[in-house]
N, C-alpha and C. Protein backbone atom coordinates (compact mmCIF):
# COMPACT_ATOMS: atom_id res chain seq x y z
N MET A 1 23.16 -3.20 -7.68
CA MET A 1 22.04 -4.05 -7.46
C MET A 1 21.97 -5.09 -8.51
N SER A 2 21.90 -6.33 -8.02
CA SER A 2 21.91 -7.52 -9.00
C SER A 2 20.61 -7.55 -9.82
N LEU A 3 20.59 -8.27 -10.80
CA LEU A 3 19.36 -8.43 -11.70
C LEU A 3 18.26 -9.04 -10.91
N ARG A 4 18.63 -9.99 -9.97
CA ARG A 4 17.51 -10.60 -9.12
C ARG A 4 16.88 -9.53 -8.28
N GLU A 5 17.66 -8.72 -7.64
CA GLU A 5 17.14 -7.72 -6.82
C GLU A 5 16.31 -6.57 -7.62
N LYS A 6 16.82 -6.30 -8.76
CA LYS A 6 16.13 -5.41 -9.66
C LYS A 6 14.69 -5.93 -9.99
N LEU A 7 14.65 -7.24 -10.33
CA LEU A 7 13.38 -7.81 -10.73
C LEU A 7 12.47 -7.93 -9.58
N PHE A 8 13.02 -8.30 -8.48
CA PHE A 8 12.13 -8.31 -7.26
C PHE A 8 11.58 -6.92 -6.95
N ASN A 9 12.33 -5.88 -7.03
CA ASN A 9 11.88 -4.56 -6.74
C ASN A 9 10.86 -4.05 -7.78
N GLU A 10 11.09 -4.41 -8.99
CA GLU A 10 10.08 -4.06 -10.04
C GLU A 10 8.81 -4.68 -9.79
N ARG A 11 8.90 -5.98 -9.44
CA ARG A 11 7.57 -6.70 -9.28
C ARG A 11 6.85 -6.16 -8.07
N TYR A 12 7.55 -5.79 -7.01
CA TYR A 12 6.93 -5.13 -5.88
C TYR A 12 6.29 -3.89 -6.33
N ARG A 13 7.06 -3.06 -7.11
CA ARG A 13 6.44 -1.65 -7.47
C ARG A 13 5.19 -1.89 -8.27
N LYS A 14 5.16 -2.88 -9.19
CA LYS A 14 3.97 -3.00 -10.01
C LYS A 14 2.85 -3.53 -9.13
N PHE A 15 3.02 -4.34 -8.09
CA PHE A 15 2.02 -4.80 -7.26
C PHE A 15 1.52 -3.59 -6.43
N ALA A 16 2.40 -2.70 -6.03
CA ALA A 16 1.89 -1.59 -5.17
C ALA A 16 1.08 -0.61 -6.00
N GLU A 17 1.52 -0.45 -7.33
CA GLU A 17 0.69 0.47 -8.15
C GLU A 17 -0.68 -0.13 -8.53
N ASN A 18 -0.75 -1.41 -8.72
CA ASN A 18 -1.96 -2.13 -9.11
C ASN A 18 -3.00 -2.16 -7.91
N LEU A 19 -2.45 -2.12 -6.77
CA LEU A 19 -3.34 -2.02 -5.55
C LEU A 19 -4.19 -0.73 -5.56
N GLN A 20 -3.61 0.29 -6.07
CA GLN A 20 -4.24 1.60 -6.06
C GLN A 20 -5.33 1.80 -7.07
N LYS A 21 -5.43 0.97 -8.03
CA LYS A 21 -6.41 1.03 -9.16
C LYS A 21 -7.77 0.72 -8.65
N ASP A 22 -8.76 1.59 -8.87
CA ASP A 22 -10.13 1.35 -8.51
C ASP A 22 -10.78 0.09 -9.07
N ASP A 23 -10.44 -0.38 -10.20
CA ASP A 23 -10.98 -1.54 -10.77
C ASP A 23 -10.40 -2.83 -10.13
N LEU A 24 -9.41 -2.80 -9.32
CA LEU A 24 -8.84 -3.84 -8.69
C LEU A 24 -9.04 -3.85 -7.17
N ASP A 25 -10.15 -3.21 -6.74
CA ASP A 25 -10.39 -3.10 -5.29
C ASP A 25 -10.51 -4.51 -4.60
N GLU A 26 -10.96 -5.47 -5.47
CA GLU A 26 -11.27 -6.78 -4.73
C GLU A 26 -9.86 -7.40 -4.33
N LEU A 27 -8.73 -6.91 -4.65
CA LEU A 27 -7.46 -7.29 -4.17
C LEU A 27 -7.03 -6.87 -2.74
N LEU A 28 -7.66 -5.71 -2.34
CA LEU A 28 -7.27 -5.08 -1.12
C LEU A 28 -7.50 -6.02 0.05
N PRO A 29 -8.64 -6.74 0.26
CA PRO A 29 -8.79 -7.59 1.44
C PRO A 29 -7.65 -8.63 1.51
N ASP A 30 -7.39 -9.24 0.40
CA ASP A 30 -6.23 -10.18 0.31
C ASP A 30 -4.94 -9.63 0.70
N ALA A 31 -4.63 -8.48 0.19
CA ALA A 31 -3.44 -7.80 0.55
C ALA A 31 -3.31 -7.48 2.14
N ALA A 32 -4.48 -7.05 2.64
CA ALA A 32 -4.57 -6.84 4.08
C ALA A 32 -4.31 -8.06 4.98
N ARG A 33 -4.89 -9.14 4.49
CA ARG A 33 -4.72 -10.41 5.26
C ARG A 33 -3.29 -10.84 5.16
N PHE A 34 -2.66 -10.64 3.98
CA PHE A 34 -1.22 -11.06 3.88
C PHE A 34 -0.30 -10.17 4.80
N ILE A 35 -0.73 -8.79 4.81
CA ILE A 35 0.13 -7.90 5.63
C ILE A 35 -0.07 -8.40 7.15
N ALA A 36 -1.23 -8.78 7.50
CA ALA A 36 -1.55 -9.10 8.95
C ALA A 36 -0.80 -10.30 9.21
N ARG A 37 -0.72 -11.39 8.36
CA ARG A 37 0.02 -12.58 8.58
C ARG A 37 1.53 -12.30 8.82
N LEU A 38 2.10 -11.33 7.96
CA LEU A 38 3.53 -11.08 7.95
C LEU A 38 3.91 -10.28 9.35
N ASN A 39 2.95 -9.64 9.94
CA ASN A 39 3.25 -8.81 11.04
C ASN A 39 2.65 -9.22 12.35
N SER A 40 2.07 -10.37 12.29
CA SER A 40 1.41 -10.94 13.53
C SER A 40 2.33 -11.95 14.26
N THR A 41 2.24 -11.97 15.50
CA THR A 41 2.95 -13.11 16.25
C THR A 41 1.87 -13.57 17.24
N PRO A 42 2.04 -14.82 17.79
CA PRO A 42 1.06 -15.40 18.74
C PRO A 42 0.83 -14.46 19.95
N GLU A 43 1.89 -13.86 20.43
CA GLU A 43 1.75 -13.03 21.56
C GLU A 43 1.15 -11.71 21.25
N ASN A 44 1.30 -11.21 20.02
CA ASN A 44 0.66 -9.92 19.60
C ASN A 44 0.07 -10.05 18.20
N PRO A 45 -1.11 -10.61 18.20
CA PRO A 45 -1.83 -10.73 16.88
C PRO A 45 -2.40 -9.36 16.39
N VAL A 46 -2.24 -9.22 15.12
CA VAL A 46 -2.72 -8.05 14.48
C VAL A 46 -4.29 -7.93 14.48
N LYS A 47 -4.83 -6.92 14.81
CA LYS A 47 -6.22 -6.75 14.92
C LYS A 47 -6.90 -6.00 13.81
N THR A 48 -6.10 -4.94 13.30
CA THR A 48 -6.63 -4.09 12.19
C THR A 48 -5.42 -3.74 11.27
N VAL A 49 -5.85 -3.77 9.98
CA VAL A 49 -4.86 -3.26 8.97
C VAL A 49 -5.58 -2.23 8.20
N ILE A 50 -4.84 -1.05 8.01
CA ILE A 50 -5.40 0.05 7.25
C ILE A 50 -4.41 0.32 6.09
N LEU A 51 -4.89 0.29 4.90
CA LEU A 51 -4.08 0.52 3.72
C LEU A 51 -4.31 2.03 3.28
N LEU A 52 -3.15 2.67 3.19
CA LEU A 52 -3.36 4.15 2.88
C LEU A 52 -2.48 4.41 1.59
N GLN A 53 -2.98 5.38 0.92
CA GLN A 53 -2.32 5.88 -0.30
C GLN A 53 -1.96 7.33 -0.04
N GLN A 54 -0.66 7.64 -0.16
CA GLN A 54 -0.26 9.11 0.02
C GLN A 54 -0.21 9.78 -1.23
N VAL A 55 -0.88 10.96 -1.40
CA VAL A 55 -1.02 11.66 -2.60
C VAL A 55 -0.46 13.12 -2.29
N SER A 56 0.45 13.49 -3.36
CA SER A 56 0.97 14.97 -3.38
C SER A 56 0.94 15.37 -4.73
N PHE A 57 0.13 16.37 -5.09
CA PHE A 57 0.03 16.90 -6.41
C PHE A 57 1.27 17.83 -6.73
N ILE A 58 1.79 17.83 -7.92
CA ILE A 58 2.83 18.72 -8.28
C ILE A 58 2.22 19.85 -9.09
N VAL A 59 2.32 21.21 -8.65
CA VAL A 59 1.64 22.17 -9.17
C VAL A 59 2.63 23.11 -9.95
N PRO A 60 2.40 23.37 -11.26
CA PRO A 60 3.25 24.27 -11.97
C PRO A 60 3.18 25.68 -11.45
N ARG A 61 4.25 26.43 -11.34
CA ARG A 61 4.24 27.78 -11.01
C ARG A 61 4.27 28.69 -12.13
N PRO A 62 3.99 29.97 -12.03
CA PRO A 62 4.08 30.90 -13.25
C PRO A 62 5.50 30.92 -13.93
N ASP A 63 6.46 30.69 -13.01
CA ASP A 63 7.85 30.79 -13.58
C ASP A 63 8.29 29.52 -14.31
N GLY A 64 7.46 28.52 -14.34
CA GLY A 64 7.81 27.32 -15.08
C GLY A 64 8.29 26.25 -14.12
N ALA A 65 8.61 26.60 -12.85
CA ALA A 65 9.09 25.57 -11.90
C ALA A 65 7.88 24.81 -11.33
N TYR A 66 8.09 23.72 -10.65
CA TYR A 66 7.07 22.96 -10.09
C TYR A 66 7.29 22.90 -8.46
N ILE A 67 6.11 23.06 -7.87
CA ILE A 67 6.17 22.85 -6.39
C ILE A 67 5.23 21.72 -5.91
N PRO A 68 5.63 20.90 -5.09
CA PRO A 68 4.68 19.79 -4.62
C PRO A 68 3.78 20.35 -3.51
N GLU A 69 2.54 19.94 -3.51
CA GLU A 69 1.61 20.30 -2.34
C GLU A 69 1.85 19.25 -1.31
N PRO A 70 1.35 19.58 -0.03
CA PRO A 70 1.53 18.77 1.07
C PRO A 70 0.92 17.29 0.73
N TRP A 71 1.56 16.30 1.38
CA TRP A 71 0.96 14.88 1.27
C TRP A 71 -0.28 14.88 1.90
N GLN A 72 -1.27 14.24 1.20
CA GLN A 72 -2.60 13.98 1.70
C GLN A 72 -2.84 12.46 1.72
N PRO A 73 -3.27 11.84 2.84
CA PRO A 73 -3.65 10.47 2.98
C PRO A 73 -5.00 10.21 2.39
N HIS A 74 -5.07 9.06 1.74
CA HIS A 74 -6.38 8.54 1.28
C HIS A 74 -6.44 7.15 1.71
N ILE A 75 -7.50 6.76 2.49
CA ILE A 75 -7.69 5.36 2.99
C ILE A 75 -8.21 4.52 1.84
N LEU A 76 -7.47 3.38 1.60
CA LEU A 76 -7.85 2.52 0.59
C LEU A 76 -8.76 1.45 1.18
N LEU A 77 -8.41 1.04 2.38
CA LEU A 77 -9.17 0.00 3.06
C LEU A 77 -8.88 -0.01 4.48
N GLY A 78 -9.87 -0.32 5.39
CA GLY A 78 -9.72 -0.54 6.80
C GLY A 78 -10.18 -1.90 6.99
N TYR A 79 -9.38 -2.82 7.41
CA TYR A 79 -9.74 -4.30 7.50
C TYR A 79 -9.60 -4.73 8.95
N GLY A 80 -10.71 -5.26 9.51
CA GLY A 80 -10.73 -5.90 10.75
C GLY A 80 -10.28 -7.39 10.62
N VAL A 81 -9.11 -7.75 11.15
CA VAL A 81 -8.53 -9.06 11.03
C VAL A 81 -9.29 -10.11 11.87
N GLN A 82 -9.69 -11.24 11.25
CA GLN A 82 -10.24 -12.29 12.02
C GLN A 82 -9.20 -13.28 12.35
N PRO A 83 -9.38 -14.11 13.43
CA PRO A 83 -8.44 -15.11 13.77
C PRO A 83 -8.17 -16.09 12.63
N GLN A 84 -9.08 -16.48 11.84
CA GLN A 84 -8.80 -17.43 10.75
C GLN A 84 -7.93 -16.75 9.70
N ASP A 85 -7.91 -15.43 9.60
CA ASP A 85 -7.01 -14.78 8.62
C ASP A 85 -5.55 -14.92 8.88
N LEU A 86 -5.23 -15.30 10.23
CA LEU A 86 -3.92 -15.28 10.53
C LEU A 86 -3.30 -16.76 10.42
N GLU A 87 -4.06 -17.65 9.97
CA GLU A 87 -3.67 -19.15 9.91
C GLU A 87 -2.96 -19.43 8.52
């Protein structure tokens, strides 16, 4: 992986981590609008964007090993896309 690709991936990872922070909830509608614009076409406009966070806790076992619990979805935002959001 080139340095450019590495920096791009690191920047994306940080953005995704920051979206999950409660004190940055005001970023979620902007992210939803951006996702809607990326995935919308004139023939098939996006109507709804739902941002999910998948959580799986890692639980220690008595023998010292760790076992992951099943993934649990947590809805960060459900956003109804308006026509002006796609411009």
